[in-house]
């Protein structure tokens, strides 16, 4: 028997009568042990890990359900197949509740047992192979689309498709995963060219308030396009801005929210730079950054971007937007940074049902992204995209935010959920030259006489073409493409190593710019 053979434990008070079945499984390459009662089975499970336990439901002494309880406590991940004399609804409920993986009705035959065991043990591998095969069959079609001109809606569709493959491709097929990562990088390279070519036209049309299917909604159009129409329906509306949330992270949240809400998915593109002072101020104000500078010069007088400088006025910007649209009501505003802020907010979430519009900024996902950049421990816990998503889901599943959504669903509050920007795992450095006044962000910079590799960044010579404020004479912006981050020649290797494989935002990538706008309507 090979050392890596899957281990099976068969528990039955008439185990001697099942010897031919055990021998059949051994001939098929499994390591099979047996126990004649629940107590002996527990001793085995505690002493050795088993991939599958075949468990007789009716045994003297400790019966199958009691044994199941103990097995799940000792080894929660063990797959248990209940073998019973009658098919009962109760067992179906146990299976649906994932306490048992499957059940079989006596008498069982060897082939039936073998098929059940193979399905449980190899389901993950077979699913991974199927997804890998589907992706590899789609590879040429995706490449063809990347080589042809695409509009923004087609880019959104492609991004959704790539995220779907990213979520489904297992880590077992390293070849398919490498091909996928290379193609995603190719897609972001083409997306950067697409944005560089079309973005100034989008900005020009948005300043003239020209609706056009040829361009996507932008950050500053979110409230008028997705939020205000919901407030006109009469139900209370809660507008959540989850800072730095990517679409793949949202899908993890959505899975937990679907039992509570009917969810409608729309899309918008984040403004450049995809950083909080620009995209989120635009989101709250309904204005482009250069218009905010003109209308609210104090917002831009605070210097380099931070939560405590340029984003202190979000509530005022939102109220001014509502007044300009003659809504006739005031909005409630909450910014939730710490866990204590969130728990206190969740405790009083029912108050939102009495408010026409509430705006809530949730900072945790952004904090997580920056914390991973600064913490070797978090990099170890979340070394890749899959683990980073899993970490985000774990937080949400046990968070005050999910509790808040449950409360709002019960209260019949409509929720509009979006983000100001996403983030990208920055893996490649590119050199930049600037003077001492150049800004310090890693995915974008503004200053005078900036120089960098033109293949790696969008060079913004005229800020107004991009709807950006000018910080003085001869101000330029550079905005990183793909997964590049900017490093100065001074102490180059130190900063190259320090910032490699960190989650960053501010640049022009699909992950940062193509953003969901979700409308959640309570099922209650």
Protein backbone atom coordinates (compact mmCIF):
# COMPACT_ATOMS: atom_id res chain seq x y z
CA UNK A 1 0.00 0.00 0.00
CA UNK A 2 1.58 3.35 -0.97
CA UNK A 3 2.37 5.75 1.88
CA UNK A 4 0.16 8.46 0.39
CA UNK A 5 -2.91 6.21 0.02
CA UNK A 6 -6.13 7.84 1.19
CA UNK A 7 -7.17 6.54 4.62
CA UNK A 8 -10.72 5.21 5.13
CA UNK A 9 -12.29 4.12 8.43
CA UNK A 10 -15.36 1.86 8.24
CA UNK A 11 -17.44 1.74 11.44
CA UNK A 12 -20.11 -0.97 11.78
CA UNK A 13 -21.13 -3.36 14.58
CA UNK A 14 -21.26 -6.14 11.96
CA UNK A 15 -17.90 -5.26 10.45
CA UNK A 16 -16.85 -8.91 9.96
CA UNK A 17 -19.65 -9.35 7.46
CA UNK A 18 -18.22 -6.44 5.45
CA UNK A 19 -14.71 -7.87 5.02
CA UNK A 20 -15.18 -8.42 1.24
CA UNK A 21 -16.09 -4.73 0.89
CA UNK A 22 -12.97 -3.67 2.83
CA UNK A 23 -10.74 -5.90 0.69
CA UNK A 24 -12.31 -4.46 -2.47
CA UNK A 25 -11.42 -0.92 -1.38
CA UNK A 26 -7.86 -2.00 -0.51
CA UNK A 27 -7.48 -3.52 -3.98
CA UNK A 28 -8.47 -0.11 -5.38
CA UNK A 29 -5.56 1.52 -3.56
CA UNK A 30 -7.09 2.82 -0.34
CA UNK A 31 -5.77 2.23 3.18
CA UNK A 32 -8.81 0.83 5.04
CA UNK A 33 -9.21 0.38 8.80
CA UNK A 34 -12.28 -0.80 10.69
CA UNK A 35 -14.02 -0.35 14.04
CA UNK A 36 -16.92 -2.33 15.49
CA UNK A 37 -18.37 0.44 17.69
CA UNK A 38 -18.43 4.19 18.20
CA UNK A 39 -15.92 4.25 21.06
CA UNK A 40 -13.28 2.36 19.07
CA UNK A 41 -13.97 4.60 16.08
CA UNK A 42 -13.30 7.71 18.16
CA UNK A 43 -10.02 6.27 19.40
CA UNK A 44 -8.99 5.69 15.78
CA UNK A 45 -10.05 9.15 14.61
CA UNK A 46 -8.24 10.87 17.45
CA UNK A 47 -5.11 8.84 16.82
CA UNK A 48 -5.04 9.10 13.00
CA UNK A 49 -6.44 11.47 10.40
CA UNK A 50 -8.89 9.79 8.02
CA UNK A 51 -10.07 11.31 4.76
CA UNK A 52 -13.40 9.40 4.85
CA UNK A 53 -15.34 7.68 7.63
CA UNK A 54 -18.11 5.22 6.63
CA UNK A 55 -20.40 5.25 9.68
CA UNK A 56 -23.25 2.85 10.49
CA UNK A 57 -26.20 4.81 11.85
CA UNK A 58 -27.65 2.07 14.12
CA UNK A 59 -25.11 0.57 16.52
CA UNK A 60 -25.51 -0.59 20.13
CA UNK A 61 -24.16 1.77 22.76
CA UNK A 62 -22.97 4.95 21.03
CA UNK A 63 -25.04 5.14 17.85
CA UNK A 64 -24.05 6.71 14.56
CA UNK A 65 -25.32 10.23 15.26
CA UNK A 66 -23.58 10.37 18.67
CA UNK A 67 -20.38 9.09 17.07
CA UNK A 68 -20.74 11.68 14.30
CA UNK A 69 -20.93 14.46 16.89
CA UNK A 70 -17.70 13.30 18.53
CA UNK A 71 -15.89 12.81 15.22
CA UNK A 72 -16.76 16.33 14.08
CA UNK A 73 -15.49 17.73 17.36
CA UNK A 74 -12.23 15.77 17.11
CA UNK A 75 -11.66 16.18 13.34
CA UNK A 76 -13.98 18.89 11.89
CA UNK A 77 -12.75 18.44 8.33
CA UNK A 78 -13.30 14.69 8.10
CA UNK A 79 -15.80 13.57 5.45
CA UNK A 80 -18.43 11.28 7.01
CA UNK A 81 -20.77 9.02 5.01
CA UNK A 82 -23.71 7.74 7.06
CA UNK A 83 -24.82 4.20 6.22
CA UNK A 84 -28.46 3.65 7.21
CA UNK A 85 -31.23 1.12 6.81
CA UNK A 86 -33.79 3.70 5.71
CA UNK A 87 -33.69 6.97 3.75
CA UNK A 88 -35.00 9.60 6.15
CA UNK A 89 -35.57 13.33 5.72
CA UNK A 90 -33.51 13.90 8.84
CA UNK A 91 -30.41 12.50 7.10
CA UNK A 92 -30.99 14.72 4.10
CA UNK A 93 -31.06 17.69 6.46
CA UNK A 94 -27.82 16.50 8.06
CA UNK A 95 -26.23 16.30 4.61
CA UNK A 96 -27.49 19.72 3.57
CA UNK A 97 -26.19 21.14 6.85
CA UNK A 98 -22.77 19.69 5.92
CA UNK A 99 -22.54 17.62 9.11
CA UNK A 100 -22.34 14.55 6.86
CA UNK A 101 -20.89 14.51 3.35
CA UNK A 102 -23.29 11.87 2.03
CA UNK A 103 -25.47 8.94 3.08
CA UNK A 104 -26.07 5.45 1.69
CA UNK A 105 -28.94 3.05 2.24
CA UNK A 106 -28.28 -0.59 3.15
CA UNK A 107 -27.59 -3.00 1.65
CA UNK A 108 -24.56 -1.36 0.01
CA UNK A 109 -22.48 -2.93 -2.73
CA UNK A 110 -18.74 -2.43 -3.30
CA UNK A 111 -19.13 -0.39 -6.49
CA UNK A 112 -21.55 1.97 -4.76
CA UNK A 113 -19.07 2.51 -1.92
CA UNK A 114 -16.18 3.00 -4.34
CA UNK A 115 -18.03 5.64 -6.37
CA UNK A 116 -18.99 7.55 -3.22
CA UNK A 117 -15.44 7.51 -1.88
CA UNK A 118 -13.93 8.55 -5.23
CA UNK A 119 -16.41 11.40 -5.55
CA UNK A 120 -15.63 12.73 -2.08
CA UNK A 121 -11.87 12.38 -2.39
CA UNK A 122 -11.43 13.45 -5.98
CA UNK A 123 -14.21 16.00 -6.42
CA UNK A 124 -11.87 18.93 -5.84
CA UNK A 125 -9.27 17.58 -8.26
CA UNK A 126 -11.86 16.81 -10.93
CA UNK A 127 -13.39 20.28 -10.57
CA UNK A 128 -9.94 21.88 -10.85
CA UNK A 129 -9.22 19.87 -14.00
CA UNK A 130 -12.56 20.89 -15.50
CA UNK A 131 -11.97 24.60 -14.80
CA UNK A 132 -8.40 24.39 -16.14
CA UNK A 133 -9.69 22.74 -19.30
CA UNK A 134 -12.40 25.37 -19.74
CA UNK A 135 -9.89 28.19 -19.27
CA UNK A 136 -7.36 26.71 -21.68
CA UNK A 137 -10.14 26.34 -24.25
CA UNK A 138 -11.01 30.04 -23.72
CA UNK A 139 -7.38 31.20 -23.90
CA UNK A 140 -7.31 31.81 -27.66
CA UNK A 141 -10.68 33.56 -27.60
CA UNK A 142 -9.49 35.91 -24.82
CA UNK A 143 -6.26 36.59 -26.75
CA UNK A 144 -8.29 37.40 -29.85
CA UNK A 145 -10.40 39.91 -27.90
CA UNK A 146 -7.27 41.53 -26.48
CA UNK A 147 -5.85 42.03 -29.95
CA UNK A 148 -8.97 43.84 -31.19
CA UNK A 149 -10.37 47.25 -30.14
CA UNK A 150 -12.77 46.97 -27.20
CA UNK A 151 -15.19 49.41 -25.59
CA UNK A 152 -15.51 49.90 -21.83
CA UNK A 153 -18.41 47.44 -21.47
CA UNK A 154 -16.38 44.76 -23.24
CA UNK A 155 -13.48 45.42 -20.88
CA UNK A 156 -15.86 45.02 -17.95
CA UNK A 157 -17.09 41.70 -19.34
CA UNK A 158 -13.53 40.49 -19.86
CA UNK A 159 -12.54 41.52 -16.35
CA UNK A 160 -15.50 39.66 -14.88
CA UNK A 161 -14.53 36.58 -16.88
CA UNK A 162 -10.91 36.75 -15.70
CA UNK A 163 -11.99 37.19 -12.09
CA UNK A 164 -14.23 34.14 -12.48
CA UNK A 165 -11.31 32.01 -13.68
CA UNK A 166 -9.09 33.43 -10.93
CA UNK A 167 -11.63 32.35 -8.31
CA UNK A 168 -12.11 28.87 -9.78
CA UNK A 169 -8.62 27.86 -10.90
CA UNK A 170 -7.11 25.71 -8.18
CA UNK A 171 -3.49 25.82 -7.11
CA UNK A 172 -2.98 22.19 -8.22
CA UNK A 173 -2.56 22.91 -11.93
CA UNK A 174 0.49 25.16 -11.82
CA UNK A 175 0.77 25.23 -15.60
CA UNK A 176 -2.75 26.59 -16.14
CA UNK A 177 -2.28 29.06 -13.29
CA UNK A 178 0.94 30.41 -14.82
CA UNK A 179 -0.70 30.75 -18.24
CA UNK A 180 -3.60 32.59 -16.61
CA UNK A 181 -1.32 34.97 -14.69
CA UNK A 182 0.58 35.78 -17.88
CA UNK A 183 -2.65 36.44 -19.79
CA UNK A 184 -4.02 38.63 -16.99
CA UNK A 185 -0.81 40.66 -17.18
CA UNK A 186 -1.24 40.92 -20.95
CA UNK A 187 -4.83 42.08 -20.40
CA UNK A 188 -3.74 44.81 -18.00
CA UNK A 189 -1.11 45.95 -20.49
CA UNK A 190 -3.80 46.35 -23.15
CA UNK A 191 -6.18 47.94 -20.63
CA UNK A 192 -3.56 50.59 -19.79
CA UNK A 193 -3.32 51.51 -23.48
CA UNK A 194 -7.12 51.63 -23.72
CA UNK A 195 -7.41 54.00 -20.75
CA UNK A 196 -4.56 56.21 -21.97
CA UNK A 197 -6.26 56.60 -25.34
CA UNK A 198 -9.83 57.20 -24.15
CA UNK A 199 -9.72 58.73 -20.67
CA UNK A 200 -9.34 62.41 -21.69
CA UNK A 201 -12.43 62.08 -23.92
CA UNK A 202 -14.41 60.55 -21.03
CA UNK A 203 -13.43 63.49 -18.85
CA UNK A 204 -14.40 66.03 -21.50
CA UNK A 205 -17.81 64.42 -21.98
CA UNK A 206 -18.43 64.17 -18.22
CA UNK A 207 -17.69 67.87 -17.67
CA UNK A 208 -20.26 68.66 -20.35
CA UNK A 209 -22.72 66.24 -18.68
CA UNK A 210 -23.14 64.33 -21.92
CA UNK A 211 -24.54 60.84 -21.34
CA UNK A 212 -22.83 58.47 -23.70
CA UNK A 213 -22.88 54.69 -23.89
CA UNK A 214 -19.39 54.87 -25.37
CA UNK A 215 -17.96 55.82 -21.98
CA UNK A 216 -18.46 54.32 -18.53
CA UNK A 217 -19.95 56.11 -15.52
CA UNK A 218 -17.09 57.62 -13.53
CA UNK A 219 -16.61 58.04 -9.78
CA UNK A 220 -18.18 61.49 -9.61
CA UNK A 221 -21.36 60.22 -11.30
CA UNK A 222 -22.12 57.43 -8.81
CA UNK A 223 -24.45 59.33 -6.47
CA UNK A 224 -26.57 60.94 -9.22
CA UNK A 225 -26.76 57.74 -11.29
CA UNK A 226 -27.12 54.98 -8.68
CA UNK A 227 -27.99 56.51 -5.30
CA UNK A 228 -30.42 59.38 -5.85
CA UNK A 229 -32.83 57.32 -8.01
CA UNK A 230 -33.19 54.91 -5.05
CA UNK A 231 -33.96 57.75 -2.62
CA UNK A 232 -36.82 58.86 -4.90
CA UNK A 233 -38.61 55.53 -4.34
CA UNK A 234 -39.41 56.43 -0.75
CA UNK A 235 -37.58 53.66 1.13
CA UNK A 236 -34.58 54.51 3.33
CA UNK A 237 -31.24 54.11 1.53
CA UNK A 238 -27.87 53.23 3.06
CA UNK A 239 -24.93 54.10 0.77
CA UNK A 240 -21.82 52.08 1.68
CA UNK A 241 -18.39 53.01 0.33
CA UNK A 242 -16.01 50.15 1.16
CA UNK A 243 -12.61 51.73 0.67
CA UNK A 244 -10.21 49.78 -1.59
CA UNK A 245 -12.62 46.91 -2.35
CA UNK A 246 -11.96 44.93 -5.52
CA UNK A 247 -14.59 43.00 -7.45
CA UNK A 248 -13.16 39.62 -6.45
CA UNK A 249 -13.42 40.61 -2.78
CA UNK A 250 -17.00 41.74 -3.32
CA UNK A 251 -17.89 38.31 -4.71
CA UNK A 252 -16.77 36.79 -1.41
CA UNK A 253 -19.06 39.23 0.43
CA UNK A 254 -21.92 38.69 -2.01
CA UNK A 255 -22.02 34.97 -1.33
CA UNK A 256 -22.82 35.72 2.32
CA UNK A 257 -25.31 38.49 1.49
CA UNK A 258 -27.45 36.71 -1.14
CA UNK A 259 -29.70 35.04 1.46
CA UNK A 260 -30.51 38.54 2.77
CA UNK A 261 -30.81 40.64 -0.41
CA UNK A 262 -31.69 40.62 -4.07
CA UNK A 263 -28.51 42.04 -5.61
CA UNK A 264 -28.30 44.06 -8.82
CA UNK A 265 -24.80 44.63 -10.23
CA UNK A 266 -23.80 47.71 -12.23
CA UNK A 267 -20.35 49.10 -12.97
CA UNK A 268 -18.36 52.28 -12.98
CA UNK A 269 -14.74 53.25 -13.60
CA UNK A 270 -12.61 54.80 -10.88
CA UNK A 271 -11.15 58.22 -11.60
CA UNK A 272 -7.40 58.59 -12.03
CA UNK A 273 -5.39 58.54 -9.91
CA UNK A 274 -7.29 55.68 -8.24
CA UNK A 275 -6.53 57.04 -4.79
CA UNK A 276 -8.79 58.20 -1.99
CA UNK A 277 -8.23 61.99 -2.23
CA UNK A 278 -9.19 61.98 -5.89
CA UNK A 279 -11.73 59.22 -6.47
CA UNK A 280 -13.55 59.36 -3.14
CA UNK A 281 -13.80 63.13 -2.92
CA UNK A 282 -15.16 63.02 -6.47
CA UNK A 283 -17.63 60.32 -5.46
CA UNK A 284 -19.04 62.40 -2.59
CA UNK A 285 -19.01 65.75 -4.36
CA UNK A 286 -20.20 64.75 -7.83
CA UNK A 287 -17.28 66.80 -9.15
CA UNK A 288 -13.97 66.08 -10.85
CA UNK A 289 -10.86 66.74 -8.73
CA UNK A 290 -10.05 69.94 -10.63
CA UNK A 291 -13.62 71.16 -10.00
CA UNK A 292 -13.28 70.34 -6.31
CA UNK A 293 -10.07 72.38 -6.17
CA UNK A 294 -11.88 75.32 -7.73
CA UNK A 295 -15.00 75.06 -5.56
CA UNK A 296 -13.30 73.95 -2.32
CA UNK A 297 -9.69 75.15 -2.42
CA UNK A 298 -9.27 74.33 1.29
CA UNK A 299 -9.67 70.61 0.54
CA UNK A 300 -6.51 70.71 -1.55
CA UNK A 301 -4.54 73.02 0.71
CA UNK A 302 -3.70 70.31 3.25
CA UNK A 303 -0.76 68.83 1.39
CA UNK A 304 -0.12 65.15 0.68
CA UNK A 305 -3.04 62.76 0.76
CA UNK A 306 -4.15 61.12 4.00
CA UNK A 307 -7.34 60.24 5.84
CA UNK A 308 -6.83 63.25 8.08
CA UNK A 309 -6.23 65.91 5.44
CA UNK A 310 -7.95 65.89 2.08
CA UNK A 311 -10.81 63.61 3.15
CA UNK A 312 -12.05 65.56 6.16
CA UNK A 313 -14.89 67.20 4.22
CA UNK A 314 -16.80 64.27 2.72
CA UNK A 315 -20.02 65.01 4.59
CA UNK A 316 -19.97 68.64 3.41
CA UNK A 317 -19.23 67.59 -0.18
CA UNK A 318 -22.15 65.13 -0.16
CA UNK A 319 -24.58 67.66 1.27
CA UNK A 320 -23.58 70.21 -1.33
CA UNK A 321 -24.20 67.62 -4.04
CA UNK A 322 -27.68 66.94 -2.62
CA UNK A 323 -28.42 70.66 -2.51
CA UNK A 324 -27.30 71.13 -6.11
CA UNK A 325 -29.73 68.38 -7.11
CA UNK A 326 -32.49 70.02 -5.04
CA UNK A 327 -33.25 66.83 -3.13
CA UNK A 328 -34.67 68.73 -0.14
CA UNK A 329 -33.19 66.40 2.50
CA UNK A 330 -30.00 66.06 4.53
CA UNK A 331 -27.85 62.95 4.58
CA UNK A 332 -26.42 61.16 7.57
CA UNK A 333 -22.67 60.46 7.34
CA UNK A 334 -20.47 57.95 9.22
CA UNK A 335 -16.82 57.10 8.70
CA UNK A 336 -15.84 53.83 10.37
CA UNK A 337 -12.12 53.32 10.79
CA UNK A 338 -11.59 51.19 13.90
CA UNK A 339 -13.29 47.97 14.98
CA UNK A 340 -14.77 49.90 17.91
CA UNK A 341 -16.29 52.40 15.47
CA UNK A 342 -17.84 49.53 13.53
CA UNK A 343 -19.28 47.68 16.51
CA UNK A 344 -20.81 50.85 17.92
CA UNK A 345 -22.33 51.60 14.51
CA UNK A 346 -23.74 48.06 14.18
CA UNK A 347 -25.42 48.40 17.57
CA UNK A 348 -27.42 51.40 16.36
CA UNK A 349 -27.88 50.33 12.73
CA UNK A 350 -31.67 50.35 13.09
CA UNK A 351 -31.45 54.17 13.15
CA UNK A 352 -30.72 54.07 9.41
CA UNK A 353 -34.29 52.95 8.75
CA UNK A 354 -35.44 56.41 9.90
CA UNK A 355 -33.06 58.26 7.54
CA UNK A 356 -33.79 59.08 3.89
CA UNK A 357 -30.11 58.67 2.97
CA UNK A 358 -27.16 57.49 5.05
CA UNK A 359 -23.59 57.42 3.73
CA UNK A 360 -21.15 55.07 5.43
CA UNK A 361 -17.41 54.85 4.70
CA UNK A 362 -15.87 51.52 5.74
CA UNK A 363 -12.10 51.60 5.98
CA UNK A 364 -11.19 48.06 6.99
CA UNK A 365 -10.41 46.61 3.53
CA UNK A 366 -8.05 49.52 2.83
CA UNK A 367 -6.42 49.04 6.23
CA UNK A 368 -5.97 45.35 5.43
CA UNK A 369 -4.28 46.16 2.11
CA UNK A 370 -1.86 48.58 3.75
CA UNK A 371 -1.27 46.26 6.70
CA UNK A 372 -0.32 43.43 4.37
CA UNK A 373 2.20 45.78 2.77
CA UNK A 374 3.76 46.59 6.13
CA UNK A 375 3.54 43.22 7.89
CA UNK A 376 5.66 40.16 7.13
CA UNK A 377 3.18 38.10 9.16
CA UNK A 378 0.24 39.11 6.94
CA UNK A 379 2.31 38.48 3.81
CA UNK A 380 2.94 34.98 5.12
CA UNK A 381 -0.77 34.47 5.85
CA UNK A 382 -1.85 35.94 2.50
CA UNK A 383 1.02 35.25 0.09
CA UNK A 384 -1.13 35.40 -3.07
CA UNK A 385 -4.44 36.65 -4.43
CA UNK A 386 -6.40 33.55 -3.35
CA UNK A 387 -5.19 33.81 0.25
CA UNK A 388 -5.77 37.58 0.29
CA UNK A 389 -9.40 37.04 -0.73
CA UNK A 390 -9.82 34.32 1.87
CA UNK A 391 -8.47 36.64 4.56
CA UNK A 392 -10.94 39.35 3.52
CA UNK A 393 -13.83 36.87 3.55
CA UNK A 394 -12.88 35.59 7.02
CA UNK A 395 -13.02 39.14 8.36
CA UNK A 396 -16.38 39.88 6.73
CA UNK A 397 -17.95 36.60 7.83
CA UNK A 398 -17.31 37.47 11.49
CA UNK A 399 -17.58 41.24 11.22
CA UNK A 400 -19.82 43.98 12.54
CA UNK A 401 -20.40 44.91 8.87
CA UNK A 402 -22.21 41.65 8.10
CA UNK A 403 -24.22 42.11 11.31
CA UNK A 404 -25.16 45.58 10.06
CA UNK A 405 -26.34 44.23 6.70
CA UNK A 406 -28.49 41.65 8.53
CA UNK A 407 -30.09 44.42 10.58
CA UNK A 408 -30.73 46.57 7.49
CA UNK A 409 -32.21 43.62 5.58
CA UNK A 410 -34.63 42.98 8.45
CA UNK A 411 -35.55 46.68 8.50
CA UNK A 412 -36.19 46.81 4.74
CA UNK A 413 -33.43 49.35 4.05
CA UNK A 414 -32.15 49.46 0.47
CA UNK A 415 -28.35 49.39 0.36
CA UNK A 416 -26.17 50.78 -2.42
CA UNK A 417 -22.61 49.46 -2.12
CA UNK A 418 -19.54 50.55 -4.05
CA UNK A 419 -15.91 51.53 -3.61
CA UNK A 420 -13.69 54.45 -4.50
CA UNK A 421 -10.94 52.27 -5.99
CA UNK A 422 -9.47 48.79 -5.95
CA UNK A 423 -5.90 47.65 -5.42
CA UNK A 424 -3.28 45.62 -7.26
CA UNK A 425 -0.48 43.39 -6.09
CA UNK A 426 2.55 45.41 -7.23
CA UNK A 427 5.27 43.06 -8.43
CA UNK A 428 7.44 45.14 -10.78
CA UNK A 429 9.38 48.33 -10.10
CA UNK A 430 10.11 51.16 -12.51
CA UNK A 431 12.44 54.09 -11.97
CA UNK A 432 11.14 57.64 -11.62
CA UNK A 433 12.99 60.95 -11.45
CA UNK A 434 11.48 64.03 -9.76
CA UNK A 435 12.39 66.94 -7.54
CA UNK A 436 11.99 67.21 -3.75
CA UNK A 437 8.41 68.46 -4.08
CA UNK A 438 7.24 65.34 -5.88
CA UNK A 439 4.47 63.44 -4.08
CA UNK A 440 5.33 60.20 -2.32
CA UNK A 441 2.65 57.70 -3.49
CA UNK A 442 3.92 54.52 -5.19
CA UNK A 443 1.39 54.10 -8.04
CA UNK A 444 1.09 57.76 -9.04
CA UNK A 445 3.03 60.95 -8.56
CA UNK A 446 2.63 64.63 -9.29
CA UNK A 447 5.34 67.25 -9.50
CA UNK A 448 7.50 69.13 -11.98
CA UNK A 449 9.68 67.60 -14.69
CA UNK A 450 8.80 64.02 -13.81
CA UNK A 451 10.54 61.35 -15.87
CA UNK A 452 9.86 57.62 -16.12
CA UNK A 453 9.62 54.78 -18.63
CA UNK A 454 6.76 55.71 -20.97
CA UNK A 455 5.80 52.03 -21.36
CA UNK A 456 5.18 51.69 -17.63
CA UNK A 457 3.09 54.79 -16.93
CA UNK A 458 0.59 57.26 -18.29
CA UNK A 459 2.28 60.65 -18.50
CA UNK A 460 -0.19 63.50 -17.88
CA UNK A 461 1.32 66.68 -19.28
CA UNK A 462 -1.87 68.76 -19.04
CA UNK A 463 -3.68 67.93 -15.76
CA UNK A 464 -6.97 69.50 -16.87
CA UNK A 465 -7.22 66.92 -19.69
CA UNK A 466 -7.55 64.32 -16.95
CA UNK A 467 -9.81 66.44 -14.75
CA UNK A 468 -6.95 66.92 -12.29
CA UNK A 469 -5.96 69.98 -10.29
CA UNK A 470 -2.73 71.71 -11.09
CA UNK A 471 -0.48 72.01 -8.04
CA UNK A 472 1.48 74.88 -9.61
CA UNK A 473 3.26 75.82 -12.81
CA UNK A 474 4.43 72.93 -15.00
CA UNK A 475 2.72 70.31 -12.84
CA UNK A 476 2.76 66.82 -14.32
CA UNK A 477 1.24 63.54 -13.18
CA UNK A 478 2.47 60.04 -13.86
CA UNK A 479 0.11 57.11 -13.29
CA UNK A 480 1.47 53.56 -13.18
CA UNK A 481 0.14 50.93 -15.56
CA UNK A 482 -0.13 47.17 -15.05
CA UNK A 483 1.48 46.13 -11.71
CA UNK A 484 4.37 48.63 -11.67
CA UNK A 485 5.36 50.80 -8.70
CA UNK A 486 7.63 53.83 -8.77
CA UNK A 487 11.09 53.79 -7.17
CA UNK A 488 13.64 56.63 -7.07
CA UNK A 489 17.23 55.94 -8.17
CA UNK A 490 18.45 56.90 -4.68
CA UNK A 491 18.59 53.78 -2.48
CA UNK A 492 16.93 52.03 -5.39
CA UNK A 493 17.46 48.41 -4.33
CA UNK A 494 16.32 49.06 -0.76
CA UNK A 495 12.96 50.48 -1.83
CA UNK A 496 12.63 47.98 -4.66
CA UNK A 497 12.71 45.14 -2.12
CA UNK A 498 10.65 47.00 0.46
CA UNK A 499 7.64 47.64 -1.77
CA UNK A 500 7.70 44.58 -4.02
CA UNK A 501 4.62 42.35 -3.57
CA UNK A 502 2.61 44.97 -1.70
CA UNK A 503 -1.03 45.90 -2.31
CA UNK A 504 -1.11 49.38 -3.85
CA UNK A 505 -3.58 51.69 -5.59
CA UNK A 506 -3.48 54.91 -7.58
CA UNK A 507 -2.68 53.41 -10.96
CA UNK A 508 -4.48 52.33 -14.14
CA UNK A 509 -5.28 48.63 -13.90
CA UNK A 510 -8.49 46.63 -14.20
CA UNK A 511 -8.34 45.77 -10.50
CA UNK A 512 -8.14 49.45 -9.50
CA UNK A 513 -10.49 51.00 -12.06
CA UNK A 514 -13.30 48.56 -12.98
CA UNK A 515 -15.56 48.79 -9.95
CA UNK A 516 -18.92 47.31 -9.00
CA UNK A 517 -21.91 49.45 -8.06
CA UNK A 518 -24.36 47.17 -6.22
CA UNK A 519 -27.98 47.73 -5.30
CA UNK A 520 -29.17 45.43 -2.48
CA UNK A 521 -32.91 45.11 -1.88
CA UNK A 522 -34.07 43.24 1.19
CA UNK A 523 -35.72 39.84 0.70
CA UNK A 524 -37.81 40.31 3.86
